[in-house]
């Protein structure tokens, strides 16, 4: 099959749609929508993300050295898009505009969004300036999930979570059907079969 070279792109499919909430004042917080992120560690649990320095939230993240990551469901696409479209300079209470409730976090000053089905409290442990922004590495201090999204083993059921997915160049999507179980499907090609992930 012929290939076409596109040069450097951000076309990694899919990406999560995340709502970052960061404390901006004694009783205020801004919500920023981002997609350029990923889990980069598990022990401690670490998240990496890139935030442009021009964003309203950037100096508050640098001041607080913390934020919450709130995963919206696909049903919250309008609010999620709004929080990435409109600056905190224009709307100082995006949560109210979207009809969302900000709740206190346990370990940090930045709040979580109650209506999002999955929330993570994060503390910045490393910042690396790059281009017109920075790469942040944050430790996940706590995770909250709506109880009805847990399966019989107490694990999050991705289909019930129904996270909002971003795909370049400008699309929002839902998760598709389950294909199989990780660290099991590939065993069909092993000779002889082995146990567990390598």
C-alpha atoms as a PDB file:
ATOM      1  CA  UNK A   1       0.000   0.000   0.000  1.00  0.00           C
ATOM      2  CA  UNK A   2       1.530   3.378  -1.003  1.00  0.00           C
ATOM      3  CA  UNK A   3       2.341   5.846   1.784  1.00  0.00           C
ATOM      4  CA  UNK A   4       2.229   9.650   1.650  1.00  0.00           C
ATOM      5  CA  UNK A   5       4.693  11.656   3.773  1.00  0.00           C
ATOM      6  CA  UNK A   6       2.920  14.390   5.792  1.00  0.00           C
ATOM      7  CA  UNK A   7       5.859  15.790   7.739  1.00  0.00           C
ATOM      8  CA  UNK A   8       5.647  16.323  11.509  1.00  0.00           C
ATOM      9  CA  UNK A   9       2.007  16.217  12.667  1.00  0.00           C
ATOM     10  CA  UNK A  10      -0.005  15.781  15.862  1.00  0.00           C
ATOM     11  CA  UNK A  11      -2.122  13.023  14.298  1.00  0.00           C
ATOM     12  CA  UNK A  12      -2.050  10.503  17.122  1.00  0.00           C
ATOM     13  CA  UNK A  13      -5.361   8.642  17.248  1.00  0.00           C
ATOM     14  CA  UNK A  14      -7.217   8.909  19.504  1.00  0.00           C
ATOM     15  CA  UNK A  15      -6.479  11.503  22.179  1.00  0.00           C
ATOM     16  CA  UNK A  16      -8.428  12.065  25.371  1.00  0.00           C
ATOM     17  CA  UNK A  17     -10.407  15.245  25.848  1.00  0.00           C
ATOM     18  CA  UNK A  18      -9.466  16.569  29.279  1.00  0.00           C
ATOM     19  CA  UNK A  19     -10.794  19.474  31.302  1.00  0.00           C
ATOM     20  CA  UNK A  20      -8.073  20.979  33.487  1.00  0.00           C
ATOM     21  CA  UNK A  21      -9.370  22.962  36.442  1.00  0.00           C
ATOM     22  CA  UNK A  22      -6.935  25.255  38.229  1.00  0.00           C
ATOM     23  CA  UNK A  23      -7.497  27.610  41.145  1.00  0.00           C
ATOM     24  CA  UNK A  24      -7.351  31.242  40.037  1.00  0.00           C
ATOM     25  CA  UNK A  25      -8.469  32.938  43.264  1.00  0.00           C
ATOM     26  CA  UNK A  26      -9.851  32.352  46.734  1.00  0.00           C
ATOM     27  CA  UNK A  27     -13.188  31.122  45.368  1.00  0.00           C
ATOM     28  CA  UNK A  28     -12.543  30.853  41.642  1.00  0.00           C
ATOM     29  CA  UNK A  29     -11.077  28.450  39.100  1.00  0.00           C
ATOM     30  CA  UNK A  30     -10.595  28.314  35.354  1.00  0.00           C
ATOM     31  CA  UNK A  31     -11.308  25.319  33.146  1.00  0.00           C
ATOM     32  CA  UNK A  32      -9.090  24.627  30.121  1.00  0.00           C
ATOM     33  CA  UNK A  33      -9.708  21.906  27.522  1.00  0.00           C
ATOM     34  CA  UNK A  34      -6.641  20.015  26.307  1.00  0.00           C
ATOM     35  CA  UNK A  35      -5.925  16.848  24.336  1.00  0.00           C
ATOM     36  CA  UNK A  36      -2.122  16.629  24.148  1.00  0.00           C
ATOM     37  CA  UNK A  37      -1.504  14.363  27.116  1.00  0.00           C
ATOM     38  CA  UNK A  38      -0.802  10.819  28.226  1.00  0.00           C
ATOM     39  CA  UNK A  39       0.039   8.542  31.148  1.00  0.00           C
ATOM     40  CA  UNK A  40       3.822   8.167  31.436  1.00  0.00           C
ATOM     41  CA  UNK A  41       4.325   6.307  34.707  1.00  0.00           C
ATOM     42  CA  UNK A  42       2.775   3.978  37.246  1.00  0.00           C
ATOM     43  CA  UNK A  43       4.665   4.089  40.515  1.00  0.00           C
ATOM     44  CA  UNK A  44       4.089   6.887  41.051  1.00  0.00           C
ATOM     45  CA  UNK A  45       1.231   7.442  38.616  1.00  0.00           C
ATOM     46  CA  UNK A  46       2.380  10.218  36.270  1.00  0.00           C
ATOM     47  CA  UNK A  47       0.665  12.259  33.586  1.00  0.00           C
ATOM     48  CA  UNK A  48       2.447  14.340  30.926  1.00  0.00           C
ATOM     49  CA  UNK A  49       0.803  17.212  29.088  1.00  0.00           C
ATOM     50  CA  UNK A  50       1.672  20.266  27.028  1.00  0.00           C
ATOM     51  CA  UNK A  51       0.155  23.648  27.771  1.00  0.00           C
ATOM     52  CA  UNK A  52       0.766  26.759  25.686  1.00  0.00           C
ATOM     53  CA  UNK A  53       2.106  29.695  27.692  1.00  0.00           C
ATOM     54  CA  UNK A  54      -0.505  31.975  26.092  1.00  0.00           C
ATOM     55  CA  UNK A  55      -3.373  30.166  27.846  1.00  0.00           C
ATOM     56  CA  UNK A  56      -5.120  32.040  30.642  1.00  0.00           C
ATOM     57  CA  UNK A  57      -4.581  29.035  32.944  1.00  0.00           C
ATOM     58  CA  UNK A  58      -0.808  28.776  32.409  1.00  0.00           C
ATOM     59  CA  UNK A  59       0.380  31.294  35.069  1.00  0.00           C
ATOM     60  CA  UNK A  60      -2.098  29.868  37.593  1.00  0.00           C
ATOM     61  CA  UNK A  61      -0.791  26.338  37.013  1.00  0.00           C
ATOM     62  CA  UNK A  62       2.737  27.670  37.561  1.00  0.00           C
ATOM     63  CA  UNK A  63       1.638  29.412  40.752  1.00  0.00           C
ATOM     64  CA  UNK A  64      -0.390  26.547  42.205  1.00  0.00           C
ATOM     65  CA  UNK A  65       1.831  23.749  40.839  1.00  0.00           C
ATOM     66  CA  UNK A  66      -1.326  21.654  40.745  1.00  0.00           C
ATOM     67  CA  UNK A  67      -4.564  21.147  38.819  1.00  0.00           C
ATOM     68  CA  UNK A  68      -7.312  18.601  38.417  1.00  0.00           C
ATOM     69  CA  UNK A  69      -7.904  16.519  35.317  1.00  0.00           C
ATOM     70  CA  UNK A  70     -11.591  15.943  34.670  1.00  0.00           C
ATOM     71  CA  UNK A  71     -12.658  13.488  31.982  1.00  0.00           C
ATOM     72  CA  UNK A  72     -15.960  14.492  30.375  1.00  0.00           C
ATOM     73  CA  UNK A  73     -18.367  11.995  28.862  1.00  0.00           C
ATOM     74  CA  UNK A  74     -19.369  12.332  25.223  1.00  0.00           C
ATOM     75  CA  UNK A  75     -22.618  13.916  26.424  1.00  0.00           C
ATOM     76  CA  UNK A  76     -20.576  16.873  27.720  1.00  0.00           C
ATOM     77  CA  UNK A  77     -19.022  17.708  24.339  1.00  0.00           C
ATOM     78  CA  UNK A  78     -20.601  21.176  24.068  1.00  0.00           C
ATOM     79  CA  UNK A  79     -19.246  22.321  27.438  1.00  0.00           C
ATOM     80  CA  UNK A  80     -15.857  20.716  26.815  1.00  0.00           C
ATOM     81  CA  UNK A  81     -15.525  22.497  23.492  1.00  0.00           C
ATOM     82  CA  UNK A  82     -16.631  25.792  25.048  1.00  0.00           C
ATOM     83  CA  UNK A  83     -13.911  25.594  27.705  1.00  0.00           C
ATOM     84  CA  UNK A  84     -11.281  25.267  24.977  1.00  0.00           C
ATOM     85  CA  UNK A  85     -12.840  27.887  22.730  1.00  0.00           C
ATOM     86  CA  UNK A  86     -13.359  30.683  25.254  1.00  0.00           C
ATOM     87  CA  UNK A  87     -10.536  32.159  27.337  1.00  0.00           C
ATOM     88  CA  UNK A  88     -10.779  32.756  31.061  1.00  0.00           C
ATOM     89  CA  UNK A  89     -10.209  36.431  30.171  1.00  0.00           C
ATOM     90  CA  UNK A  90     -13.637  36.376  28.490  1.00  0.00           C
ATOM     91  CA  UNK A  91     -15.501  34.117  30.933  1.00  0.00           C
ATOM     92  CA  UNK A  92     -14.248  34.012  34.516  1.00  0.00           C
ATOM     93  CA  UNK A  93     -16.788  31.334  35.524  1.00  0.00           C
ATOM     94  CA  UNK A  94     -16.906  28.714  32.792  1.00  0.00           C
ATOM     95  CA  UNK A  95     -18.254  26.132  35.240  1.00  0.00           C
ATOM     96  CA  UNK A  96     -21.395  28.216  35.772  1.00  0.00           C
ATOM     97  CA  UNK A  97     -21.776  28.820  32.035  1.00  0.00           C
ATOM     98  CA  UNK A  98     -21.611  25.054  31.420  1.00  0.00           C
ATOM     99  CA  UNK A  99     -23.907  24.235  34.351  1.00  0.00           C
ATOM    100  CA  UNK A 100     -21.146  22.414  36.225  1.00  0.00           C
ATOM    101  CA  UNK A 101     -20.370  22.285  39.940  1.00  0.00           C
ATOM    102  CA  UNK A 102     -16.852  22.760  41.312  1.00  0.00           C
ATOM    103  CA  UNK A 103     -16.125  20.630  44.385  1.00  0.00           C
ATOM    104  CA  UNK A 104     -13.109  20.872  46.703  1.00  0.00           C
ATOM    105  CA  UNK A 105     -10.307  18.414  46.062  1.00  0.00           C
ATOM    106  CA  UNK A 106      -8.716  16.478  48.914  1.00  0.00           C
ATOM    107  CA  UNK A 107      -4.984  17.069  48.377  1.00  0.00           C
ATOM    108  CA  UNK A 108      -4.754  20.309  46.363  1.00  0.00           C
ATOM    109  CA  UNK A 109      -6.442  23.714  46.150  1.00  0.00           C
ATOM    110  CA  UNK A 110      -7.785  23.308  42.609  1.00  0.00           C
ATOM    111  CA  UNK A 111     -11.345  21.881  42.427  1.00  0.00           C
ATOM    112  CA  UNK A 112     -12.812  18.913  40.595  1.00  0.00           C
ATOM    113  CA  UNK A 113     -15.816  19.113  38.263  1.00  0.00           C
ATOM    114  CA  UNK A 114     -18.607  17.124  39.923  1.00  0.00           C
ATOM    115  CA  UNK A 115     -20.460  16.348  36.688  1.00  0.00           C
ATOM    116  CA  UNK A 116     -17.435  14.757  35.012  1.00  0.00           C
ATOM    117  CA  UNK A 117     -17.512  10.991  35.578  1.00  0.00           C
ATOM    118  CA  UNK A 118     -13.751  10.682  36.246  1.00  0.00           C
ATOM    119  CA  UNK A 119     -11.488  13.129  38.088  1.00  0.00           C
ATOM    120  CA  UNK A 120      -7.810  13.172  39.057  1.00  0.00           C
ATOM    121  CA  UNK A 121      -5.981  15.447  41.485  1.00  0.00           C
ATOM    122  CA  UNK A 122      -2.527  16.243  40.095  1.00  0.00           C
ATOM    123  CA  UNK A 123       0.588  17.898  41.500  1.00  0.00           C
ATOM    124  CA  UNK A 124       3.226  19.224  39.088  1.00  0.00           C
ATOM    125  CA  UNK A 125       6.580  17.544  39.709  1.00  0.00           C
ATOM    126  CA  UNK A 126       8.466  18.785  36.630  1.00  0.00           C
ATOM    127  CA  UNK A 127       8.131  21.536  34.048  1.00  0.00           C
ATOM    128  CA  UNK A 128      10.179  21.788  30.860  1.00  0.00           C
ATOM    129  CA  UNK A 129       9.770  24.963  28.780  1.00  0.00           C
ATOM    130  CA  UNK A 130       9.515  24.215  25.063  1.00  0.00           C
ATOM    131  CA  UNK A 131       8.463  26.480  22.215  1.00  0.00           C
ATOM    132  CA  UNK A 132       5.661  28.823  23.303  1.00  0.00           C
ATOM    133  CA  UNK A 133       4.676  26.684  26.246  1.00  0.00           C
ATOM    134  CA  UNK A 134       5.844  23.869  28.483  1.00  0.00           C
ATOM    135  CA  UNK A 135       5.654  20.151  29.050  1.00  0.00           C
ATOM    136  CA  UNK A 136       4.376  19.354  32.533  1.00  0.00           C
ATOM    137  CA  UNK A 137       4.823  16.078  34.366  1.00  0.00           C
ATOM    138  CA  UNK A 138       2.271  15.715  37.149  1.00  0.00           C
ATOM    139  CA  UNK A 139       1.812  13.071  39.803  1.00  0.00           C
ATOM    140  CA  UNK A 140      -1.753  11.784  40.138  1.00  0.00           C
ATOM    141  CA  UNK A 141      -2.495  12.031  43.858  1.00  0.00           C
ATOM    142  CA  UNK A 142      -6.096  10.791  43.846  1.00  0.00           C
ATOM    143  CA  UNK A 143      -8.693   9.507  41.390  1.00  0.00           C
ATOM    144  CA  UNK A 144     -12.468   9.745  41.751  1.00  0.00           C
ATOM    145  CA  UNK A 145     -15.049   7.940  39.637  1.00  0.00           C
ATOM    146  CA  UNK A 146     -18.833   7.760  39.618  1.00  0.00           C
ATOM    147  CA  UNK A 147     -19.619   4.453  41.354  1.00  0.00           C
ATOM    148  CA  UNK A 148     -22.069   3.281  38.688  1.00  0.00           C
ATOM    149  CA  UNK A 149     -19.177   3.120  36.197  1.00  0.00           C
ATOM    150  CA  UNK A 150     -17.403   0.308  38.056  1.00  0.00           C
ATOM    151  CA  UNK A 151     -17.653  -3.333  37.007  1.00  0.00           C
ATOM    152  CA  UNK A 152     -17.925  -6.364  39.303  1.00  0.00           C
ATOM    153  CA  UNK A 153     -14.156  -6.297  39.959  1.00  0.00           C
ATOM    154  CA  UNK A 154     -14.209  -2.604  40.899  1.00  0.00           C
ATOM    155  CA  UNK A 155     -12.530  -1.528  37.638  1.00  0.00           C
ATOM    156  CA  UNK A 156     -13.769   1.332  35.464  1.00  0.00           C
ATOM    157  CA  UNK A 157     -15.918   0.117  32.569  1.00  0.00           C
ATOM    158  CA  UNK A 158     -14.776   2.248  29.614  1.00  0.00           C
ATOM    159  CA  UNK A 159     -18.056   1.751  27.758  1.00  0.00           C
ATOM    160  CA  UNK A 160     -20.043   3.068  30.709  1.00  0.00           C
ATOM    161  CA  UNK A 161     -17.580   5.938  31.206  1.00  0.00           C
ATOM    162  CA  UNK A 162     -18.148   6.930  27.558  1.00  0.00           C
ATOM    163  CA  UNK A 163     -15.225   9.401  27.497  1.00  0.00           C
ATOM    164  CA  UNK A 164     -15.159  12.208  24.963  1.00  0.00           C
ATOM    165  CA  UNK A 165     -12.404  11.472  22.451  1.00  0.00           C
ATOM    166  CA  UNK A 166     -10.543  14.015  20.315  1.00  0.00           C
ATOM    167  CA  UNK A 167      -9.148  13.102  16.903  1.00  0.00           C
ATOM    168  CA  UNK A 168      -7.221  15.491  14.644  1.00  0.00           C
ATOM    169  CA  UNK A 169      -7.822  17.677  12.887  1.00  0.00           C
ATOM    170  CA  UNK A 170     -11.004  18.798  14.701  1.00  0.00           C
ATOM    171  CA  UNK A 171     -13.232  15.854  15.567  1.00  0.00           C
ATOM    172  CA  UNK A 172     -14.922  14.660  18.742  1.00  0.00           C
ATOM    173  CA  UNK A 173     -15.813  10.975  18.941  1.00  0.00           C
ATOM    174  CA  UNK A 174     -17.058   8.234  21.243  1.00  0.00           C
ATOM    175  CA  UNK A 175     -15.308   4.949  21.970  1.00  0.00           C
ATOM    176  CA  UNK A 176     -16.104   2.083  19.624  1.00  0.00           C
ATOM    177  CA  UNK A 177     -16.620  -1.582  20.392  1.00  0.00           C
ATOM    178  CA  UNK A 178     -14.197  -3.642  22.462  1.00  0.00           C
ATOM    179  CA  UNK A 179     -11.771  -5.595  20.270  1.00  0.00           C
ATOM    180  CA  UNK A 180     -10.256  -7.934  22.842  1.00  0.00           C
ATOM    181  CA  UNK A 181      -8.202  -8.248  26.019  1.00  0.00           C
ATOM    182  CA  UNK A 182      -4.670  -6.830  26.258  1.00  0.00           C
ATOM    183  CA  UNK A 183      -1.888  -9.361  26.842  1.00  0.00           C
ATOM    184  CA  UNK A 184      -4.156 -12.135  25.598  1.00  0.00           C
ATOM    185  CA  UNK A 185      -4.872 -11.462  21.909  1.00  0.00           C
ATOM    186  CA  UNK A 186      -1.185 -11.622  20.921  1.00  0.00           C
ATOM    187  CA  UNK A 187      -0.740 -15.071  22.423  1.00  0.00           C
ATOM    188  CA  UNK A 188      -2.167 -16.506  19.212  1.00  0.00           C
ATOM    189  CA  UNK A 189       1.161 -15.658  17.526  1.00  0.00           C
ATOM    190  CA  UNK A 190       3.465 -16.923  20.281  1.00  0.00           C
ATOM    191  CA  UNK A 191       5.426 -20.181  19.861  1.00  0.00           C
ATOM    192  CA  UNK A 192       5.456 -21.466  22.561  1.00  0.00           C
ATOM    193  CA  UNK A 193       2.844 -19.367  24.419  1.00  0.00           C
ATOM    194  CA  UNK A 194       4.197 -17.311  27.340  1.00  0.00           C
ATOM    195  CA  UNK A 195       2.616 -15.887  30.463  1.00  0.00           C
ATOM    196  CA  UNK A 196       1.685 -12.208  30.936  1.00  0.00           C
ATOM    197  CA  UNK A 197       3.086  -8.969  29.464  1.00  0.00           C
ATOM    198  CA  UNK A 198       6.740  -8.740  28.399  1.00  0.00           C
END
